[in-house]
Amino acid sequence: AILVDAPCSAEGNARKHVMALDQWDAPEHSKALRARSRLSFDLLESAWVALRPGGTLIYSTCTLNRFENEDVVEQFMRRFG
């Protein structure tokens, strides 16, 4: 099994890191989300290439937003699924 614990915006940790929610108001947040989503996809793709036939690939983030979760998985499934 391969676990991809992707770097993310940490919105899921808002109770622990209140500043994670403050970044939503920052003008550069949208650009940063796109960059992290692309990095997450690249890490997922790299893990897929390294995965043995019959292996298990697990994708994990600590965020709640669709861009870094469902969108990355949907893009991955369109390409490799």
PDB file of N, CA and C in Angstrom:
ATOM      1  N   ALA A   1       0.845  -1.187   0.000  1.00  0.00           N
ATOM      2  CA  ALA A   1       0.000   0.000   0.000  1.00  0.00           C
ATOM      3  C   ALA A   1       0.880   1.238   0.000  1.00  0.00           C
ATOM      4  N   ILE A   2       0.379   2.282  -0.634  1.00  0.00           N
ATOM      5  CA  ILE A   2       1.056   3.583  -0.631  1.00  0.00           C
ATOM      6  C   ILE A   2       0.067   4.621  -0.110  1.00  0.00           C
ATOM      7  N   LEU A   3       0.516   5.401   0.857  1.00  0.00           N
ATOM      8  CA  LEU A   3      -0.281   6.488   1.406  1.00  0.00           C
ATOM      9  C   LEU A   3       0.268   7.813   0.884  1.00  0.00           C
ATOM     10  N   VAL A   4      -0.571   8.577   0.207  1.00  0.00           N
ATOM     11  CA  VAL A   4      -0.220   9.931  -0.198  1.00  0.00           C
ATOM     12  C   VAL A   4      -0.911  10.874   0.778  1.00  0.00           C
ATOM     13  N   ASP A   5      -0.153  11.397   1.725  1.00  0.00           N
ATOM     14  CA  ASP A   5      -0.657  12.370   2.695  1.00  0.00           C
ATOM     15  C   ASP A   5      -0.254  13.735   2.163  1.00  0.00           C
ATOM     16  N   ALA A   6      -1.086  14.261   1.274  1.00  0.00           N
ATOM     17  CA  ALA A   6      -0.737  15.439   0.488  1.00  0.00           C
ATOM     18  C   ALA A   6      -0.704  16.715   1.317  1.00  0.00           C
ATOM     19  N   PRO A   7       0.265  17.594   1.016  1.00  0.00           N
ATOM     20  CA  PRO A   7       0.271  18.904   1.665  1.00  0.00           C
ATOM     21  C   PRO A   7      -0.977  19.672   1.235  1.00  0.00           C
ATOM     22  N   CYS A   8      -1.558  20.414   2.152  1.00  0.00           N
ATOM     23  CA  CYS A   8      -2.818  21.077   1.827  1.00  0.00           C
ATOM     24  C   CYS A   8      -2.964  22.363   2.628  1.00  0.00           C
ATOM     25  N   SER A   9      -4.120  23.000   2.461  1.00  0.00           N
ATOM     26  CA  SER A   9      -4.372  24.286   3.109  1.00  0.00           C
ATOM     27  C   SER A   9      -4.720  24.171   4.594  1.00  0.00           C
ATOM     28  N   ALA A  10      -4.879  22.984   5.103  1.00  0.00           N
ATOM     29  CA  ALA A  10      -5.086  22.721   6.538  1.00  0.00           C
ATOM     30  C   ALA A  10      -6.400  23.251   7.097  1.00  0.00           C
ATOM     31  N   GLU A  11      -7.390  23.440   6.252  1.00  0.00           N
ATOM     32  CA  GLU A  11      -8.676  23.939   6.741  1.00  0.00           C
ATOM     33  C   GLU A  11      -9.316  22.990   7.744  1.00  0.00           C
ATOM     34  N   GLY A  12      -9.048  21.715   7.613  1.00  0.00           N
ATOM     35  CA  GLY A  12      -9.600  20.733   8.539  1.00  0.00           C
ATOM     36  C   GLY A  12      -9.026  20.847   9.931  1.00  0.00           C
ATOM     37  N   ASN A  13      -7.961  21.606  10.069  1.00  0.00           N
ATOM     38  CA  ASN A  13      -7.320  21.804  11.370  1.00  0.00           C
ATOM     39  C   ASN A  13      -7.601  23.185  11.947  1.00  0.00           C
ATOM     40  N   ALA A  14      -8.687  23.806  11.507  1.00  0.00           N
ATOM     41  CA  ALA A  14      -8.977  25.182  11.905  1.00  0.00           C
ATOM     42  C   ALA A  14      -9.102  25.351  13.418  1.00  0.00           C
ATOM     43  N   ARG A  15      -9.569  24.343  14.085  1.00  0.00           N
ATOM     44  CA  ARG A  15      -9.684  24.457  15.551  1.00  0.00           C
ATOM     45  C   ARG A  15      -8.307  24.512  16.195  1.00  0.00           C
ATOM     46  N   LYS A  16      -7.364  23.822  15.580  1.00  0.00           N
ATOM     47  CA  LYS A  16      -6.000  23.791  16.102  1.00  0.00           C
ATOM     48  C   LYS A  16      -5.167  24.972  15.587  1.00  0.00           C
ATOM     49  N   HIS A  17      -5.406  25.335  14.326  1.00  0.00           N
ATOM     50  CA  HIS A  17      -4.631  26.383  13.657  1.00  0.00           C
ATOM     51  C   HIS A  17      -5.606  27.411  13.083  1.00  0.00           C
ATOM     52  N   VAL A  18      -6.026  28.341  13.897  1.00  0.00           N
ATOM     53  CA  VAL A  18      -7.036  29.318  13.504  1.00  0.00           C
ATOM     54  C   VAL A  18      -6.591  30.115  12.273  1.00  0.00           C
ATOM     55  N   MET A  19      -5.307  30.313  12.103  1.00  0.00           N
ATOM     56  CA  MET A  19      -4.805  31.069  10.959  1.00  0.00           C
ATOM     57  C   MET A  19      -5.121  30.382   9.632  1.00  0.00           C
ATOM     58  N   ALA A  20      -5.403  29.089   9.637  1.00  0.00           N
ATOM     59  CA  ALA A  20      -5.735  28.378   8.405  1.00  0.00           C
ATOM     60  C   ALA A  20      -6.967  28.980   7.741  1.00  0.00           C
ATOM     61  N   LEU A  21      -7.930  29.429   8.520  1.00  0.00           N
ATOM     62  CA  LEU A  21      -9.133  30.048   7.954  1.00  0.00           C
ATOM     63  C   LEU A  21      -8.881  31.479   7.490  1.00  0.00           C
ATOM     64  N   ASP A  22      -7.950  32.161   8.145  1.00  0.00           N
ATOM     65  CA  ASP A  22      -7.634  33.534   7.751  1.00  0.00           C
ATOM     66  C   ASP A  22      -7.091  33.609   6.332  1.00  0.00           C
ATOM     67  N   GLN A  23      -6.434  32.560   5.887  1.00  0.00           N
ATOM     68  CA  GLN A  23      -5.839  32.594   4.555  1.00  0.00           C
ATOM     69  C   GLN A  23      -6.895  32.644   3.443  1.00  0.00           C
ATOM     70  N   TRP A  24      -8.135  32.256   3.741  1.00  0.00           N
ATOM     71  CA  TRP A  24      -9.190  32.305   2.723  1.00  0.00           C
ATOM     72  C   TRP A  24      -9.423  33.715   2.217  1.00  0.00           C
ATOM     73  N   ASP A  25      -9.169  34.721   3.059  1.00  0.00           N
ATOM     74  CA  ASP A  25      -9.365  36.110   2.665  1.00  0.00           C
ATOM     75  C   ASP A  25      -8.175  36.682   1.903  1.00  0.00           C
ATOM     76  N   ALA A  26      -7.058  35.988   1.926  1.00  0.00           N
ATOM     77  CA  ALA A  26      -5.861  36.494   1.258  1.00  0.00           C
ATOM     78  C   ALA A  26      -6.032  36.440  -0.261  1.00  0.00           C
ATOM     79  N   PRO A  27      -5.594  37.480  -0.962  1.00  0.00           N
ATOM     80  CA  PRO A  27      -5.762  37.537  -2.418  1.00  0.00           C
ATOM     81  C   PRO A  27      -5.058  36.393  -3.147  1.00  0.00           C
ATOM     82  N   GLU A  28      -3.988  35.904  -2.603  1.00  0.00           N
ATOM     83  CA  GLU A  28      -3.223  34.849  -3.273  1.00  0.00           C
ATOM     84  C   GLU A  28      -3.733  33.439  -2.960  1.00  0.00           C
ATOM     85  N   HIS A  29      -4.809  33.338  -2.186  1.00  0.00           N
ATOM     86  CA  HIS A  29      -5.300  32.023  -1.757  1.00  0.00           C
ATOM     87  C   HIS A  29      -5.712  31.133  -2.928  1.00  0.00           C
ATOM     88  N   SER A  30      -6.405  31.692  -3.888  1.00  0.00           N
ATOM     89  CA  SER A  30      -6.855  30.909  -5.044  1.00  0.00           C
ATOM     90  C   SER A  30      -5.672  30.332  -5.821  1.00  0.00           C
ATOM     91  N   LYS A  31      -4.655  31.139  -6.006  1.00  0.00           N
ATOM     92  CA  LYS A  31      -3.447  30.684  -6.706  1.00  0.00           C
ATOM     93  C   LYS A  31      -2.750  29.577  -5.903  1.00  0.00           C
ATOM     94  N   ALA A  32      -2.675  29.747  -4.599  1.00  0.00           N
ATOM     95  CA  ALA A  32      -2.042  28.743  -3.739  1.00  0.00           C
ATOM     96  C   ALA A  32      -2.832  27.434  -3.761  1.00  0.00           C
ATOM     97  N   LEU A  33      -4.164  27.524  -3.783  1.00  0.00           N
ATOM     98  CA  LEU A  33      -4.993  26.317  -3.855  1.00  0.00           C
ATOM     99  C   LEU A  33      -4.723  25.546  -5.148  1.00  0.00           C
ATOM    100  N   ARG A  34      -4.649  26.269  -6.258  1.00  0.00           N
ATOM    101  CA  ARG A  34      -4.364  25.615  -7.546  1.00  0.00           C
ATOM    102  C   ARG A  34      -2.996  24.942  -7.527  1.00  0.00           C
ATOM    103  N   ALA A  35      -2.014  25.617  -6.954  1.00  0.00           N
ATOM    104  CA  ALA A  35      -0.659  25.057  -6.890  1.00  0.00           C
ATOM    105  C   ALA A  35      -0.629  23.804  -6.019  1.00  0.00           C
ATOM    106  N   ARG A  36      -1.298  23.850  -4.871  1.00  0.00           N
ATOM    107  CA  ARG A  36      -1.329  22.672  -3.994  1.00  0.00           C
ATOM    108  C   ARG A  36      -2.098  21.525  -4.634  1.00  0.00           C
ATOM    109  N   SER A  37      -3.168  21.850  -5.325  1.00  0.00           N
ATOM    110  CA  SER A  37      -3.942  20.805  -6.002  1.00  0.00           C
ATOM    111  C   SER A  37      -3.104  20.133  -7.093  1.00  0.00           C
ATOM    112  N   ARG A  38      -2.357  20.926  -7.817  1.00  0.00           N
ATOM    113  CA  ARG A  38      -1.479  20.371  -8.860  1.00  0.00           C
ATOM    114  C   ARG A  38      -0.400  19.488  -8.222  1.00  0.00           C
ATOM    115  N   LEU A  39       0.194  19.956  -7.136  1.00  0.00           N
ATOM    116  CA  LEU A  39       1.201  19.167  -6.435  1.00  0.00           C
ATOM    117  C   LEU A  39       0.589  17.859  -5.930  1.00  0.00           C
ATOM    118  N   SER A  40      -0.613  17.933  -5.379  1.00  0.00           N
ATOM    119  CA  SER A  40      -1.288  16.727  -4.892  1.00  0.00           C
ATOM    120  C   SER A  40      -1.501  15.730  -6.024  1.00  0.00           C
ATOM    121  N   PHE A  41      -1.954  16.244  -7.170  1.00  0.00           N
ATOM    122  CA  PHE A  41      -2.147  15.362  -8.322  1.00  0.00           C
ATOM    123  C   PHE A  41      -0.820  14.735  -8.746  1.00  0.00           C
ATOM    124  N   ASP A  42       0.237  15.516  -8.796  1.00  0.00           N
ATOM    125  CA  ASP A  42       1.557  14.995  -9.179  1.00  0.00           C
ATOM    126  C   ASP A  42       2.032  13.916  -8.211  1.00  0.00           C
ATOM    127  N   LEU A  43       1.806  14.128  -6.916  1.00  0.00           N
ATOM    128  CA  LEU A  43       2.191  13.116  -5.922  1.00  0.00           C
ATOM    129  C   LEU A  43       1.369  11.841  -6.092  1.00  0.00           C
ATOM    130  N   LEU A  44       0.091  12.006  -6.362  1.00  0.00           N
ATOM    131  CA  LEU A  44      -0.792  10.865  -6.584  1.00  0.00           C
ATOM    132  C   LEU A  44      -0.359  10.081  -7.828  1.00  0.00           C
ATOM    133  N   GLU A  45      -0.037  10.810  -8.882  1.00  0.00           N
ATOM    134  CA  GLU A  45       0.432  10.175 -10.117  1.00  0.00           C
ATOM    135  C   GLU A  45       1.735   9.413  -9.885  1.00  0.00           C
ATOM    136  N   SER A  46       2.654  10.008  -9.158  1.00  0.00           N
ATOM    137  CA  SER A  46       3.924   9.356  -8.847  1.00  0.00           C
ATOM    138  C   SER A  46       3.702   8.087  -8.026  1.00  0.00           C
ATOM    139  N   ALA A  47       2.792   8.164  -7.071  1.00  0.00           N
ATOM    140  CA  ALA A  47       2.474   6.988  -6.259  1.00  0.00           C
ATOM    141  C   ALA A  47       1.857   5.895  -7.118  1.00  0.00           C
ATOM    142  N   TRP A  48       0.998   6.275  -8.055  1.00  0.00           N
ATOM    143  CA  TRP A  48       0.357   5.302  -8.953  1.00  0.00           C
ATOM    144  C   TRP A  48       1.395   4.551  -9.776  1.00  0.00           C
ATOM    145  N   VAL A  49       2.373   5.280 -10.266  1.00  0.00           N
ATOM    146  CA  VAL A  49       3.437   4.666 -11.063  1.00  0.00           C
ATOM    147  C   VAL A  49       4.248   3.681 -10.208  1.00  0.00           C
ATOM    148  N   ALA A  50       4.454   4.019  -8.939  1.00  0.00           N
ATOM    149  CA  ALA A  50       5.246   3.171  -8.045  1.00  0.00           C
ATOM    150  C   ALA A  50       4.456   1.998  -7.469  1.00  0.00           C
ATOM    151  N   LEU A  51       3.134   2.052  -7.551  1.00  0.00           N
ATOM    152  CA  LEU A  51       2.286   1.032  -6.936  1.00  0.00           C
ATOM    153  C   LEU A  51       2.403  -0.303  -7.668  1.00  0.00           C
ATOM    154  N   ARG A  52       2.564  -1.355  -6.917  1.00  0.00           N
ATOM    155  CA  ARG A  52       2.606  -2.694  -7.510  1.00  0.00           C
ATOM    156  C   ARG A  52       1.211  -3.112  -7.953  1.00  0.00           C
ATOM    157  N   PRO A  53       1.117  -3.958  -8.967  1.00  0.00           N
ATOM    158  CA  PRO A  53      -0.191  -4.463  -9.389  1.00  0.00           C
ATOM    159  C   PRO A  53      -0.927  -5.093  -8.198  1.00  0.00           C
ATOM    160  N   GLY A  54      -2.183  -4.725  -8.043  1.00  0.00           N
ATOM    161  CA  GLY A  54      -2.974  -5.247  -6.934  1.00  0.00           C
ATOM    162  C   GLY A  54      -2.790  -4.485  -5.639  1.00  0.00           C
ATOM    163  N   GLY A  55      -1.917  -3.468  -5.640  1.00  0.00           N
ATOM    164  CA  GLY A  55      -1.656  -2.695  -4.431  1.00  0.00           C
ATOM    165  C   GLY A  55      -2.777  -1.717  -4.127  1.00  0.00           C
ATOM    166  N   THR A  56      -2.696  -1.094  -2.980  1.00  0.00           N
ATOM    167  CA  THR A  56      -3.698  -0.136  -2.536  1.00  0.00           C
ATOM    168  C   THR A  56      -3.085   1.250  -2.476  1.00  0.00           C
ATOM    169  N   LEU A  57      -3.786   2.225  -3.059  1.00  0.00           N
ATOM    170  CA  LEU A  57      -3.347   3.619  -3.032  1.00  0.00           C
ATOM    171  C   LEU A  57      -4.339   4.414  -2.192  1.00  0.00           C
ATOM    172  N   ILE A  58      -3.823   5.103  -1.175  1.00  0.00           N
ATOM    173  CA  ILE A  58      -4.662   5.879  -0.262  1.00  0.00           C
ATOM    174  C   ILE A  58      -4.274   7.349  -0.392  1.00  0.00           C
ATOM    175  N   TYR A  59      -5.287   8.208  -0.590  1.00  0.00           N
ATOM    176  CA  TYR A  59      -5.063   9.649  -0.719  1.00  0.00           C
ATOM    177  C   TYR A  59      -5.680  10.338   0.493  1.00  0.00           C
ATOM    178  N   SER A  60      -4.893  11.159   1.171  1.00  0.00           N
ATOM    179  CA  SER A  60      -5.349  11.806   2.401  1.00  0.00           C
ATOM    180  C   SER A  60      -4.925  13.271   2.414  1.00  0.00           C
ATOM    181  N   THR A  61      -5.823  14.132   2.907  1.00  0.00           N
ATOM    182  CA  THR A  61      -5.481  15.527   3.153  1.00  0.00           C
ATOM    183  C   THR A  61      -6.081  15.933   4.496  1.00  0.00           C
ATOM    184  N   CYS A  62      -5.706  17.110   4.968  1.00  0.00           N
ATOM    185  CA  CYS A  62      -6.285  17.622   6.218  1.00  0.00           C
ATOM    186  C   CYS A  62      -7.130  18.858   5.922  1.00  0.00           C
ATOM    187  N   THR A  63      -7.704  18.886   4.734  1.00  0.00           N
ATOM    188  CA  THR A  63      -8.512  20.026   4.334  1.00  0.00           C
ATOM    189  C   THR A  63      -9.950  19.607   4.097  1.00  0.00           C
ATOM    190  N   LEU A  64     -10.820  20.581   3.984  1.00  0.00           N
ATOM    191  CA  LEU A  64     -12.232  20.301   3.754  1.00  0.00           C
ATOM    192  C   LEU A  64     -12.689  20.743   2.367  1.00  0.00           C
ATOM    193  N   ASN A  65     -11.827  21.423   1.621  1.00  0.00           N
ATOM    194  CA  ASN A  65     -12.306  21.995   0.366  1.00  0.00           C
ATOM    195  C   ASN A  65     -12.242  21.005  -0.790  1.00  0.00           C
ATOM    196  N   ARG A  66     -13.128  21.220  -1.706  1.00  0.00           N
ATOM    197  CA  ARG A  66     -13.287  20.345  -2.873  1.00  0.00           C
ATOM    198  C   ARG A  66     -12.069  20.381  -3.789  1.00  0.00           C
ATOM    199  N   PHE A  67     -11.439  21.543  -3.928  1.00  0.00           N
ATOM    200  CA  PHE A  67     -10.307  21.680  -4.846  1.00  0.00           C
ATOM    201  C   PHE A  67      -9.183  20.705  -4.534  1.00  0.00           C
ATOM    202  N   GLU A  68      -8.905  20.518  -3.253  1.00  0.00           N
ATOM    203  CA  GLU A  68      -7.788  19.664  -2.846  1.00  0.00           C
ATOM    204  C   GLU A  68      -8.209  18.223  -2.573  1.00  0.00           C
ATOM    205  N   ASN A  69      -9.501  17.950  -2.598  1.00  0.00           N
ATOM    206  CA  ASN A  69     -10.000  16.607  -2.323  1.00  0.00           C
ATOM    207  C   ASN A  69     -10.668  16.012  -3.558  1.00  0.00           C
ATOM    208  N   GLU A  70     -11.967  16.226  -3.695  1.00  0.00           N
ATOM    209  CA  GLU A  70     -12.723  15.593  -4.772  1.00  0.00           C
ATOM    210  C   GLU A  70     -12.196  15.935  -6.157  1.00  0.00           C
ATOM    211  N   ASP A  71     -11.819  17.197  -6.377  1.00  0.00           N
ATOM    212  CA  ASP A  71     -11.344  17.584  -7.707  1.00  0.00           C
ATOM    213  C   ASP A  71     -10.059  16.850  -8.081  1.00  0.00           C
ATOM    214  N   VAL A  72      -9.158  16.697  -7.126  1.00  0.00           N
ATOM    215  CA  VAL A  72      -7.907  15.977  -7.399  1.00  0.00           C
ATOM    216  C   VAL A  72      -8.205  14.507  -7.709  1.00  0.00           C
ATOM    217  N   VAL A  73      -9.064  13.891  -6.919  1.00  0.00           N
ATOM    218  CA  VAL A  73      -9.409  12.481  -7.135  1.00  0.00           C
ATOM    219  C   VAL A  73     -10.146  12.297  -8.457  1.00  0.00           C
ATOM    220  N   GLU A  74     -11.070  13.205  -8.779  1.00  0.00           N
ATOM    221  CA  GLU A  74     -11.790  13.101 -10.052  1.00  0.00           C
ATOM    222  C   GLU A  74     -10.846  13.230 -11.238  1.00  0.00           C
ATOM    223  N   GLN A  75      -9.918  14.162 -11.158  1.00  0.00           N
ATOM    224  CA  GLN A  75      -8.928  14.320 -12.223  1.00  0.00           C
ATOM    225  C   GLN A  75      -8.079  13.050 -12.353  1.00  0.00           C
ATOM    226  N   PHE A  76      -7.667  12.512 -11.214  1.00  0.00           N
ATOM    227  CA  PHE A  76      -6.872  11.280 -11.222  1.00  0.00           C
ATOM    228  C   PHE A  76      -7.648  10.129 -11.838  1.00  0.00           C
ATOM    229  N   MET A  77      -8.904   9.980 -11.470  1.00  0.00           N
ATOM    230  CA  MET A  77      -9.734   8.877 -11.990  1.00  0.00           C
ATOM    231  C   MET A  77      -9.993   9.028 -13.491  1.00  0.00           C
ATOM    232  N   ARG A  78     -10.166  10.239 -13.963  1.00  0.00           N
ATOM    233  CA  ARG A  78     -10.342  10.467 -15.413  1.00  0.00           C
ATOM    234  C   ARG A  78      -9.098  10.022 -16.180  1.00  0.00           C
ATOM    235  N   ARG A  79      -7.954  10.279 -15.579  1.00  0.00           N
ATOM    236  CA  ARG A  79      -6.706   9.945 -16.279  1.00  0.00           C
ATOM    237  C   ARG A  79      -6.298   8.478 -16.127  1.00  0.00           C
ATOM    238  N   PHE A  80      -6.476   7.924 -14.933  1.00  0.00           N
ATOM    239  CA  PHE A  80      -5.962   6.571 -14.665  1.00  0.00           C
ATOM    240  C   PHE A  80      -7.037   5.549 -14.346  1.00  0.00           C
ATOM    241  N   GLY A  81      -8.269   6.001 -14.070  1.00  0.00           N
ATOM    242  CA  GLY A  81      -9.312   5.115 -13.589  1.00  0.00           C
ATOM    243  C   GLY A  81      -9.901   4.223 -14.599  1.00  0.00           C
TER     244      GLY A  81
END
